[in-house]
Amino acid sequence: MDKHHNKLTSQSRYKTGKYSLFVGGIIVMFIAATPFVFYSYESFPSDSTSWETYFFTLRTSYPSLYHLAWYCVGKAVPLFLLLIWFFTCRHWWHWIILVPIAMYAFQLWGVINENGGMDELEIYYVIPLMMVLVPAVYLVRAKLFSKIRENDLQSFEQELFTKKTAWQQIKDLFR
């Protein structure tokens, strides 16, 4: 009887190429640089509401440019890290990461537009996204677990259409 050797060969489908190592290295460098980007707000003037250079003039209605920069990096850095996580995640649930991505994107948009009621109205934009994403991700989860348990989808669909109280539905979420 011939023994199979489980050695990695060049024909393996899990080989790591130079390109993927290069891209991974670039992503690691970007993630490692985020603390420096986050604390870059300290280089902005804290006593002025305008900043003039040869290339542009920046004016703000915030108390100072320091505050504007602090708000911007406080929203942009987590948004950047969430985007990296979303695009590099291979799990089935990675679509739910779009909810905090949308939240930070709307908040950053409010900061850039110098919205006085920051972080107040963004929830009204995120709720419709959540109404689509959360049930879709939960349905994918249910179908995956149904396939893993080898249950047929007809019993799953019958369970979806049965009348249950709100408490029974909450209990079913955690079983």
N, C-alpha and C. Protein backbone atom coordinates (compact mmCIF):
# COMPACT_ATOMS: atom_id res chain seq x y z
N MET A 1 0.85 -1.17 0.00
CA MET A 1 0.00 0.00 0.00
C MET A 1 0.90 1.24 0.00
N ASP A 2 0.58 2.17 -0.88
CA ASP A 2 1.36 3.40 -0.97
C ASP A 2 0.89 4.39 0.08
N LYS A 3 1.86 5.01 0.74
CA LYS A 3 1.55 6.04 1.73
C LYS A 3 1.50 7.39 1.03
N HIS A 4 0.53 8.21 1.43
CA HIS A 4 0.47 9.58 0.94
C HIS A 4 1.30 10.45 1.85
N HIS A 5 2.16 11.22 1.29
CA HIS A 5 2.96 12.15 2.07
C HIS A 5 2.28 13.51 2.01
N ASN A 6 2.06 14.09 3.14
CA ASN A 6 1.39 15.39 3.22
C ASN A 6 2.38 16.53 3.20
N LYS A 7 3.29 16.49 2.27
CA LYS A 7 4.28 17.55 2.16
C LYS A 7 3.78 18.61 1.20
N LEU A 8 4.15 19.82 1.50
CA LEU A 8 3.79 20.94 0.65
C LEU A 8 4.65 20.91 -0.62
N THR A 9 4.01 20.93 -1.75
CA THR A 9 4.73 20.91 -3.02
C THR A 9 4.48 22.21 -3.75
N SER A 10 5.20 22.39 -4.81
CA SER A 10 5.02 23.61 -5.60
C SER A 10 3.68 23.60 -6.32
N GLN A 11 3.03 22.47 -6.39
CA GLN A 11 1.73 22.37 -7.04
C GLN A 11 0.59 22.72 -6.08
N SER A 12 0.91 22.99 -4.83
CA SER A 12 -0.11 23.25 -3.82
C SER A 12 -0.91 24.49 -4.17
N ARG A 13 -2.18 24.47 -3.84
CA ARG A 13 -3.02 25.63 -4.12
C ARG A 13 -2.90 26.69 -3.04
N TYR A 14 -2.16 26.43 -1.98
CA TYR A 14 -1.97 27.38 -0.90
C TYR A 14 -0.59 28.01 -0.93
N LYS A 15 0.01 28.09 -2.07
CA LYS A 15 1.35 28.67 -2.13
C LYS A 15 1.28 30.19 -1.98
N THR A 16 2.33 30.74 -1.43
CA THR A 16 2.41 32.17 -1.20
C THR A 16 3.37 32.76 -2.21
N GLY A 17 2.84 33.63 -3.04
CA GLY A 17 3.66 34.25 -4.07
C GLY A 17 4.31 35.52 -3.58
N LYS A 18 5.25 36.00 -4.37
CA LYS A 18 5.94 37.24 -4.01
C LYS A 18 4.99 38.43 -4.00
N TYR A 19 4.00 38.41 -4.90
CA TYR A 19 3.05 39.52 -4.97
C TYR A 19 2.22 39.60 -3.70
N SER A 20 1.71 38.47 -3.20
CA SER A 20 0.89 38.51 -2.00
C SER A 20 1.72 38.88 -0.78
N LEU A 21 2.99 38.48 -0.75
CA LEU A 21 3.86 38.90 0.34
C LEU A 21 4.11 40.41 0.28
N PHE A 22 4.25 40.94 -0.92
CA PHE A 22 4.46 42.38 -1.10
C PHE A 22 3.22 43.16 -0.64
N VAL A 23 2.04 42.72 -1.09
CA VAL A 23 0.80 43.40 -0.72
C VAL A 23 0.58 43.31 0.79
N GLY A 24 0.83 42.13 1.37
CA GLY A 24 0.70 41.97 2.81
C GLY A 24 1.65 42.86 3.56
N GLY A 25 2.86 43.00 3.06
CA GLY A 25 3.83 43.89 3.69
C GLY A 25 3.39 45.34 3.65
N ILE A 26 2.82 45.76 2.53
CA ILE A 26 2.31 47.13 2.39
C ILE A 26 1.18 47.36 3.39
N ILE A 27 0.27 46.39 3.51
CA ILE A 27 -0.85 46.52 4.45
C ILE A 27 -0.34 46.61 5.88
N VAL A 28 0.65 45.78 6.21
CA VAL A 28 1.24 45.83 7.56
C VAL A 28 1.87 47.18 7.83
N MET A 29 2.56 47.74 6.85
CA MET A 29 3.18 49.05 7.03
C MET A 29 2.13 50.14 7.26
N PHE A 30 1.02 50.07 6.50
CA PHE A 30 -0.06 51.05 6.70
C PHE A 30 -0.65 50.93 8.09
N ILE A 31 -0.89 49.71 8.55
CA ILE A 31 -1.46 49.51 9.89
C ILE A 31 -0.47 50.00 10.95
N ALA A 32 0.81 49.70 10.77
CA ALA A 32 1.82 50.13 11.73
C ALA A 32 1.96 51.66 11.77
N ALA A 33 1.63 52.33 10.68
CA ALA A 33 1.76 53.80 10.62
C ALA A 33 0.55 54.52 11.21
N THR A 34 -0.53 53.81 11.52
CA THR A 34 -1.75 54.49 11.98
C THR A 34 -1.56 55.28 13.27
N PRO A 35 -0.75 54.85 14.25
CA PRO A 35 -0.57 55.73 15.42
C PRO A 35 0.07 57.07 15.06
N PHE A 36 1.00 57.05 14.10
CA PHE A 36 1.63 58.30 13.67
C PHE A 36 0.63 59.20 12.95
N VAL A 37 -0.22 58.59 12.14
CA VAL A 37 -1.24 59.36 11.44
C VAL A 37 -2.24 59.92 12.46
N PHE A 38 -2.61 59.10 13.44
CA PHE A 38 -3.58 59.56 14.44
C PHE A 38 -3.06 60.76 15.22
N TYR A 39 -1.81 60.73 15.62
CA TYR A 39 -1.27 61.83 16.41
C TYR A 39 -0.74 62.98 15.56
N SER A 40 -1.00 62.95 14.25
CA SER A 40 -0.58 64.06 13.40
C SER A 40 -1.38 65.33 13.66
N TYR A 41 -2.52 65.22 14.33
CA TYR A 41 -3.32 66.41 14.64
C TYR A 41 -2.54 67.38 15.53
N GLU A 42 -1.55 66.88 16.26
CA GLU A 42 -0.78 67.75 17.15
C GLU A 42 0.10 68.74 16.40
N SER A 43 0.31 68.51 15.12
CA SER A 43 1.13 69.43 14.34
C SER A 43 0.32 70.60 13.77
N PHE A 44 -0.99 70.61 13.97
CA PHE A 44 -1.83 71.70 13.48
C PHE A 44 -1.85 72.83 14.50
N PRO A 45 -2.00 74.07 14.04
CA PRO A 45 -2.01 75.20 14.98
C PRO A 45 -3.23 75.16 15.88
N SER A 46 -3.00 75.41 17.17
CA SER A 46 -4.10 75.34 18.13
C SER A 46 -4.70 76.71 18.46
N ASP A 47 -4.14 77.75 17.90
CA ASP A 47 -4.63 79.09 18.22
C ASP A 47 -5.17 79.84 17.00
N SER A 48 -5.38 79.13 15.90
CA SER A 48 -5.79 79.79 14.67
C SER A 48 -6.92 79.02 14.01
N THR A 49 -7.81 79.75 13.34
CA THR A 49 -8.89 79.11 12.59
C THR A 49 -8.62 79.12 11.09
N SER A 50 -7.47 79.63 10.70
CA SER A 50 -7.11 79.60 9.27
C SER A 50 -5.64 79.23 9.13
N TRP A 51 -5.34 78.62 8.00
CA TRP A 51 -3.97 78.16 7.72
C TRP A 51 -3.70 78.45 6.25
N GLU A 52 -2.71 79.30 5.99
CA GLU A 52 -2.39 79.68 4.62
C GLU A 52 -1.05 79.10 4.23
N THR A 53 -1.02 78.46 3.06
CA THR A 53 0.22 77.94 2.49
C THR A 53 0.29 78.41 1.04
N TYR A 54 1.35 78.02 0.34
CA TYR A 54 1.47 78.37 -1.07
C TYR A 54 0.41 77.66 -1.90
N PHE A 55 -0.02 76.49 -1.47
CA PHE A 55 -0.92 75.66 -2.26
C PHE A 55 -2.39 75.87 -1.94
N PHE A 56 -2.73 76.18 -0.70
CA PHE A 56 -4.13 76.29 -0.32
C PHE A 56 -4.28 77.17 0.91
N THR A 57 -5.52 77.56 1.16
CA THR A 57 -5.90 78.26 2.37
C THR A 57 -7.02 77.47 3.01
N LEU A 58 -6.84 77.14 4.28
CA LEU A 58 -7.83 76.34 5.00
C LEU A 58 -8.41 77.17 6.13
N ARG A 59 -9.74 77.34 6.12
CA ARG A 59 -10.44 78.05 7.18
C ARG A 59 -11.48 77.12 7.77
N THR A 60 -11.74 77.26 9.05
CA THR A 60 -12.70 76.40 9.72
C THR A 60 -13.56 77.19 10.69
N SER A 61 -14.74 76.65 10.97
CA SER A 61 -15.61 77.27 11.97
C SER A 61 -15.45 76.59 13.33
N TYR A 62 -14.59 75.59 13.40
CA TYR A 62 -14.27 74.97 14.69
C TYR A 62 -13.43 75.96 15.50
N PRO A 63 -13.28 75.74 16.82
CA PRO A 63 -12.48 76.67 17.63
C PRO A 63 -11.05 76.86 17.11
N SER A 64 -10.46 75.83 16.52
CA SER A 64 -9.13 75.95 15.93
C SER A 64 -8.92 74.82 14.93
N LEU A 65 -7.85 74.96 14.14
CA LEU A 65 -7.51 73.89 13.20
C LEU A 65 -7.10 72.61 13.93
N TYR A 66 -6.58 72.78 15.12
CA TYR A 66 -6.22 71.64 15.96
C TYR A 66 -7.45 70.78 16.24
N HIS A 67 -8.58 71.41 16.56
CA HIS A 67 -9.82 70.68 16.81
C HIS A 67 -10.32 69.98 15.56
N LEU A 68 -10.28 70.69 14.42
CA LEU A 68 -10.70 70.09 13.16
C LEU A 68 -9.86 68.86 12.84
N ALA A 69 -8.54 68.97 12.99
CA ALA A 69 -7.66 67.83 12.69
C ALA A 69 -7.92 66.69 13.66
N TRP A 70 -8.17 66.99 14.93
CA TRP A 70 -8.44 65.96 15.92
C TRP A 70 -9.72 65.20 15.57
N TYR A 71 -10.77 65.94 15.19
CA TYR A 71 -12.02 65.30 14.78
C TYR A 71 -11.81 64.43 13.54
N CYS A 72 -11.08 64.96 12.57
CA CYS A 72 -10.88 64.23 11.31
C CYS A 72 -10.11 62.93 11.51
N VAL A 73 -8.98 62.99 12.21
CA VAL A 73 -8.21 61.75 12.38
C VAL A 73 -8.92 60.80 13.32
N GLY A 74 -9.73 61.32 14.24
CA GLY A 74 -10.51 60.45 15.12
C GLY A 74 -11.56 59.65 14.38
N LYS A 75 -11.98 60.12 13.23
CA LYS A 75 -12.95 59.39 12.39
C LYS A 75 -12.25 58.65 11.25
N ALA A 76 -11.20 59.24 10.67
CA ALA A 76 -10.56 58.66 9.49
C ALA A 76 -9.72 57.42 9.81
N VAL A 77 -9.01 57.43 10.94
CA VAL A 77 -8.15 56.28 11.26
C VAL A 77 -8.97 55.02 11.54
N PRO A 78 -10.03 55.07 12.39
CA PRO A 78 -10.84 53.85 12.54
C PRO A 78 -11.51 53.42 11.24
N LEU A 79 -11.94 54.40 10.43
CA LEU A 79 -12.53 54.06 9.13
C LEU A 79 -11.52 53.34 8.25
N PHE A 80 -10.31 53.81 8.22
CA PHE A 80 -9.24 53.19 7.43
C PHE A 80 -8.98 51.76 7.91
N LEU A 81 -8.87 51.56 9.23
CA LEU A 81 -8.62 50.23 9.77
C LEU A 81 -9.79 49.28 9.51
N LEU A 82 -11.01 49.78 9.61
CA LEU A 82 -12.18 48.94 9.29
C LEU A 82 -12.21 48.56 7.82
N LEU A 83 -11.83 49.48 6.94
CA LEU A 83 -11.78 49.15 5.51
C LEU A 83 -10.74 48.08 5.22
N ILE A 84 -9.59 48.17 5.87
CA ILE A 84 -8.58 47.12 5.70
C ILE A 84 -9.12 45.79 6.18
N TRP A 85 -9.78 45.81 7.33
CA TRP A 85 -10.34 44.59 7.88
C TRP A 85 -11.39 44.01 6.93
N PHE A 86 -12.26 44.87 6.38
CA PHE A 86 -13.31 44.40 5.49
C PHE A 86 -12.72 43.75 4.24
N PHE A 87 -11.73 44.40 3.63
CA PHE A 87 -11.19 43.89 2.38
C PHE A 87 -10.23 42.72 2.54
N THR A 88 -9.73 42.49 3.74
CA THR A 88 -8.81 41.37 3.94
C THR A 88 -9.46 40.20 4.70
N CYS A 89 -10.65 40.37 5.21
CA CYS A 89 -11.32 39.32 5.98
C CYS A 89 -11.89 38.26 5.04
N ARG A 90 -11.69 37.00 5.39
CA ARG A 90 -12.21 35.91 4.56
C ARG A 90 -13.37 35.17 5.21
N HIS A 91 -13.87 35.68 6.32
CA HIS A 91 -14.97 35.02 7.01
C HIS A 91 -16.30 35.37 6.35
N TRP A 92 -17.28 34.51 6.57
CA TRP A 92 -18.58 34.69 5.94
C TRP A 92 -19.30 35.92 6.48
N TRP A 93 -18.97 36.38 7.68
CA TRP A 93 -19.68 37.47 8.33
C TRP A 93 -19.07 38.84 8.05
N HIS A 94 -18.08 38.92 7.17
CA HIS A 94 -17.38 40.20 7.00
C HIS A 94 -18.26 41.31 6.45
N TRP A 95 -19.42 41.00 5.90
CA TRP A 95 -20.30 42.04 5.37
C TRP A 95 -20.88 42.91 6.48
N ILE A 96 -20.98 42.37 7.68
CA ILE A 96 -21.53 43.15 8.78
C ILE A 96 -20.59 44.27 9.18
N ILE A 97 -19.32 44.20 8.78
CA ILE A 97 -18.36 45.27 9.07
C ILE A 97 -18.76 46.54 8.32
N LEU A 98 -19.61 46.43 7.31
CA LEU A 98 -20.08 47.62 6.59
C LEU A 98 -20.88 48.57 7.48
N VAL A 99 -21.48 48.05 8.55
CA VAL A 99 -22.26 48.92 9.44
C VAL A 99 -21.35 49.93 10.14
N PRO A 100 -20.28 49.51 10.85
CA PRO A 100 -19.42 50.55 11.44
C PRO A 100 -18.67 51.37 10.39
N ILE A 101 -18.38 50.77 9.23
CA ILE A 101 -17.76 51.56 8.15
C ILE A 101 -18.67 52.70 7.74
N ALA A 102 -19.95 52.40 7.55
CA ALA A 102 -20.91 53.45 7.17
C ALA A 102 -21.04 54.48 8.27
N MET A 103 -21.04 54.04 9.52
CA MET A 103 -21.16 54.97 10.64
C MET A 103 -19.99 55.95 10.66
N TYR A 104 -18.76 55.43 10.56
CA TYR A 104 -17.60 56.32 10.57
C TYR A 104 -17.54 57.19 9.31
N ALA A 105 -17.97 56.67 8.18
CA ALA A 105 -17.96 57.46 6.94
C ALA A 105 -18.93 58.64 7.06
N PHE A 106 -20.13 58.41 7.60
CA PHE A 106 -21.08 59.50 7.77
C PHE A 106 -20.58 60.51 8.80
N GLN A 107 -19.92 60.03 9.86
CA GLN A 107 -19.38 60.95 10.86
C GLN A 107 -18.25 61.79 10.28
N LEU A 108 -17.38 61.17 9.48
CA LEU A 108 -16.30 61.93 8.84
C LEU A 108 -16.86 62.96 7.88
N TRP A 109 -17.91 62.58 7.16
CA TRP A 109 -18.56 63.53 6.25
C TRP A 109 -19.12 64.71 7.03
N GLY A 110 -19.70 64.47 8.21
CA GLY A 110 -20.20 65.54 9.06
C GLY A 110 -19.10 66.45 9.55
N VAL A 111 -17.94 65.88 9.87
CA VAL A 111 -16.80 66.70 10.32
C VAL A 111 -16.29 67.57 9.18
N ILE A 112 -16.15 66.98 8.00
CA ILE A 112 -15.62 67.73 6.86
C ILE A 112 -16.57 68.86 6.47
N ASN A 113 -17.87 68.60 6.54
CA ASN A 113 -18.85 69.64 6.22
C ASN A 113 -19.07 70.59 7.38
N GLU A 114 -18.34 70.39 8.49
CA GLU A 114 -18.42 71.23 9.69
C GLU A 114 -19.85 71.33 10.19
N ASN A 115 -20.48 70.18 10.27
CA ASN A 115 -21.83 70.08 10.78
C ASN A 115 -21.81 70.33 12.28
N GLY A 116 -22.59 71.28 12.75
CA GLY A 116 -22.61 71.61 14.17
C GLY A 116 -23.16 70.49 15.03
N GLY A 117 -24.12 69.73 14.54
CA GLY A 117 -24.70 68.62 15.30
C GLY A 117 -24.01 67.32 14.96
N MET A 118 -22.70 67.28 15.13
CA MET A 118 -21.93 66.09 14.79
C MET A 118 -22.44 64.87 15.54
N ASP A 119 -22.39 63.74 14.90
CA ASP A 119 -22.73 62.44 15.49
C ASP A 119 -24.18 62.35 15.96
N GLU A 120 -25.05 63.16 15.41
CA GLU A 120 -26.44 63.12 15.84
C GLU A 120 -27.36 62.51 14.79
N LEU A 121 -27.17 62.87 13.53
CA LEU A 121 -28.09 62.42 12.49
C LEU A 121 -27.60 61.21 11.71
N GLU A 122 -26.36 60.78 11.95
CA GLU A 122 -25.80 59.69 11.18
C GLU A 122 -26.57 58.39 11.37
N ILE A 123 -27.18 58.22 12.53
CA ILE A 123 -27.91 56.99 12.81
C ILE A 123 -29.08 56.82 11.83
N TYR A 124 -29.65 57.93 11.39
CA TYR A 124 -30.77 57.86 10.45
C TYR A 124 -30.32 57.38 9.07
N TYR A 125 -29.05 57.56 8.76
CA TYR A 125 -28.51 57.05 7.51
C TYR A 125 -28.03 55.61 7.64
N VAL A 126 -27.62 55.22 8.84
CA VAL A 126 -27.09 53.88 9.06
C VAL A 126 -28.21 52.87 9.26
N ILE A 127 -29.35 53.28 9.80
CA ILE A 127 -30.45 52.35 10.08
C ILE A 127 -30.94 51.63 8.82
N PRO A 128 -31.17 52.30 7.68
CA PRO A 128 -31.59 51.55 6.49
C PRO A 128 -30.54 50.52 6.05
N LEU A 129 -29.28 50.87 6.16
CA LEU A 129 -28.23 49.91 5.83
C LEU A 129 -28.28 48.72 6.77
N MET A 130 -28.48 48.97 8.05
CA MET A 130 -28.57 47.89 9.02
C MET A 130 -29.79 47.02 8.77
N MET A 131 -30.89 47.63 8.32
CA MET A 131 -32.12 46.86 8.07
C MET A 131 -31.93 45.87 6.93
N VAL A 132 -30.97 46.13 6.05
CA VAL A 132 -30.69 45.20 4.96
C VAL A 132 -29.57 44.24 5.35
N LEU A 133 -28.50 44.75 5.91
CA LEU A 133 -27.32 43.92 6.19
C LEU A 133 -27.53 42.90 7.30
N VAL A 134 -28.11 43.32 8.41
CA VAL A 134 -28.22 42.41 9.56
C VAL A 134 -29.08 41.19 9.22
N PRO A 135 -30.28 41.35 8.65
CA PRO A 135 -31.03 40.13 8.29
C PRO A 135 -30.33 39.29 7.22
N ALA A 136 -29.66 39.96 6.26
CA ALA A 136 -28.97 39.20 5.21
C ALA A 136 -27.84 38.37 5.80
N VAL A 137 -27.05 38.96 6.68
CA VAL A 137 -25.96 38.22 7.31
C VAL A 137 -26.51 37.11 8.20
N TYR A 138 -27.60 37.38 8.91
CA TYR A 138 -28.19 36.34 9.75
C TYR A 138 -28.75 35.21 8.90
N LEU A 139 -29.32 35.52 7.75
CA LEU A 139 -29.83 34.48 6.87
C LEU A 139 -28.69 33.62 6.32
N VAL A 140 -27.59 34.25 5.96
CA VAL A 140 -26.42 33.49 5.50
C VAL A 140 -25.92 32.59 6.61
N ARG A 141 -25.87 33.12 7.84
CA ARG A 141 -25.45 32.32 8.99
C ARG A 141 -26.38 31.13 9.19
N ALA A 142 -27.67 31.37 9.12
CA ALA A 142 -28.63 30.30 9.33
C ALA A 142 -28.51 29.23 8.25
N LYS A 143 -28.31 29.64 7.00
CA LYS A 143 -28.16 28.66 5.92
C LYS A 143 -26.87 27.86 6.08
N LEU A 144 -25.79 28.53 6.49
CA LEU A 144 -24.53 27.82 6.71
C LEU A 144 -24.66 26.79 7.83
N PHE A 145 -25.25 27.20 8.94
CA PHE A 145 -25.40 26.28 10.06
C PHE A 145 -26.40 25.17 9.72
N SER A 146 -27.38 25.49 8.91
CA SER A 146 -28.31 24.46 8.47
C SER A 146 -27.59 23.42 7.61
N LYS A 147 -26.69 23.89 6.75
CA LYS A 147 -25.93 22.97 5.90
C LYS A 147 -24.94 22.15 6.73
N ILE A 148 -24.34 22.79 7.73
CA ILE A 148 -23.39 22.07 8.59
C ILE A 148 -24.11 21.00 9.40
N ARG A 149 -25.30 21.31 9.90
CA ARG A 149 -26.07 20.34 10.68
C ARG A 149 -26.80 19.35 9.80
N GLU A 150 -26.72 19.57 8.51
CA GLU A 150 -27.36 18.73 7.50
C GLU A 150 -28.88 18.70 7.64
N ASN A 151 -29.45 19.82 8.05
CA ASN A 151 -30.90 19.95 8.07
C ASN A 151 -31.35 20.40 6.68
N ASP A 152 -32.54 20.03 6.33
CA ASP A 152 -33.02 20.49 5.02
C ASP A 152 -33.57 21.90 5.15
N LEU A 153 -33.53 22.64 4.07
CA LEU A 153 -33.95 24.04 4.09
C LEU A 153 -35.46 24.18 4.23
N GLN A 154 -36.22 23.16 3.90
CA GLN A 154 -37.67 23.26 4.05
C GLN A 154 -38.06 23.40 5.51
N SER A 155 -37.40 22.64 6.39
CA SER A 155 -37.71 22.79 7.82
C SER A 155 -37.25 24.15 8.32
N PHE A 156 -36.17 24.66 7.75
CA PHE A 156 -35.69 25.99 8.12
C PHE A 156 -36.71 27.05 7.71
N GLU A 157 -37.25 26.94 6.49
CA GLU A 157 -38.25 27.90 6.03
C GLU A 157 -39.53 27.79 6.83
N GLN A 158 -39.93 26.58 7.22
CA GLN A 158 -41.12 26.42 8.06
C GLN A 158 -40.91 27.09 9.41
N GLU A 159 -39.71 26.97 9.95
CA GLU A 159 -39.40 27.61 11.23
C GLU A 159 -39.46 29.13 11.11
N LEU A 160 -39.06 29.67 9.95
CA LEU A 160 -39.11 31.12 9.76
C LEU A 160 -40.54 31.65 9.76
N PHE A 161 -41.48 30.86 9.23
CA PHE A 161 -42.84 31.34 9.09
C PHE A 161 -43.76 30.98 10.26
N THR A 162 -43.25 30.32 11.28
CA THR A 162 -44.08 30.01 12.44
C THR A 162 -44.26 31.26 13.29
N LYS A 163 -45.44 31.41 13.86
CA LYS A 163 -45.75 32.55 14.71
C LYS A 163 -45.10 32.33 16.07
N LYS A 164 -44.31 33.32 16.50
CA LYS A 164 -43.64 33.24 17.78
C LYS A 164 -43.78 34.58 18.50
N THR A 165 -43.71 34.51 19.81
CA THR A 165 -43.72 35.74 20.58
C THR A 165 -42.35 36.41 20.46
N ALA A 166 -42.30 37.65 20.88
CA ALA A 166 -41.02 38.37 20.79
C ALA A 166 -39.97 37.71 21.67
N TRP A 167 -40.37 37.21 22.84
CA TRP A 167 -39.42 36.56 23.73
C TRP A 167 -38.89 35.26 23.12
N GLN A 168 -39.76 34.49 22.45
CA GLN A 168 -39.30 33.25 21.78
C GLN A 168 -38.32 33.57 20.65
N GLN A 169 -38.56 34.64 19.93
CA GLN A 169 -37.64 35.03 18.85
C GLN A 169 -36.30 35.44 19.40
N ILE A 170 -36.27 36.15 20.53
CA ILE A 170 -35.00 36.54 21.14
C ILE A 170 -34.26 35.31 21.64
N LYS A 171 -34.98 34.37 22.24
CA LYS A 171 -34.34 33.13 22.70
C LYS A 171 -33.77 32.33 21.54
N ASP A 172 -34.45 32.33 20.40
CA ASP A 172 -33.97 31.59 19.22
C ASP A 172 -32.69 32.19 18.64
N LEU A 173 -32.49 33.49 18.85
CA LEU A 173 -31.28 34.11 18.35
C LEU A 173 -30.03 33.57 19.03
N PHE A 174 -30.15 33.11 20.25
CA PHE A 174 -29.00 32.69 21.04
C PHE A 174 -28.91 31.18 21.25
N ARG A 175 -29.65 30.41 20.50
CA ARG A 175 -29.54 28.95 20.66
C ARG A 175 -28.49 28.37 19.78
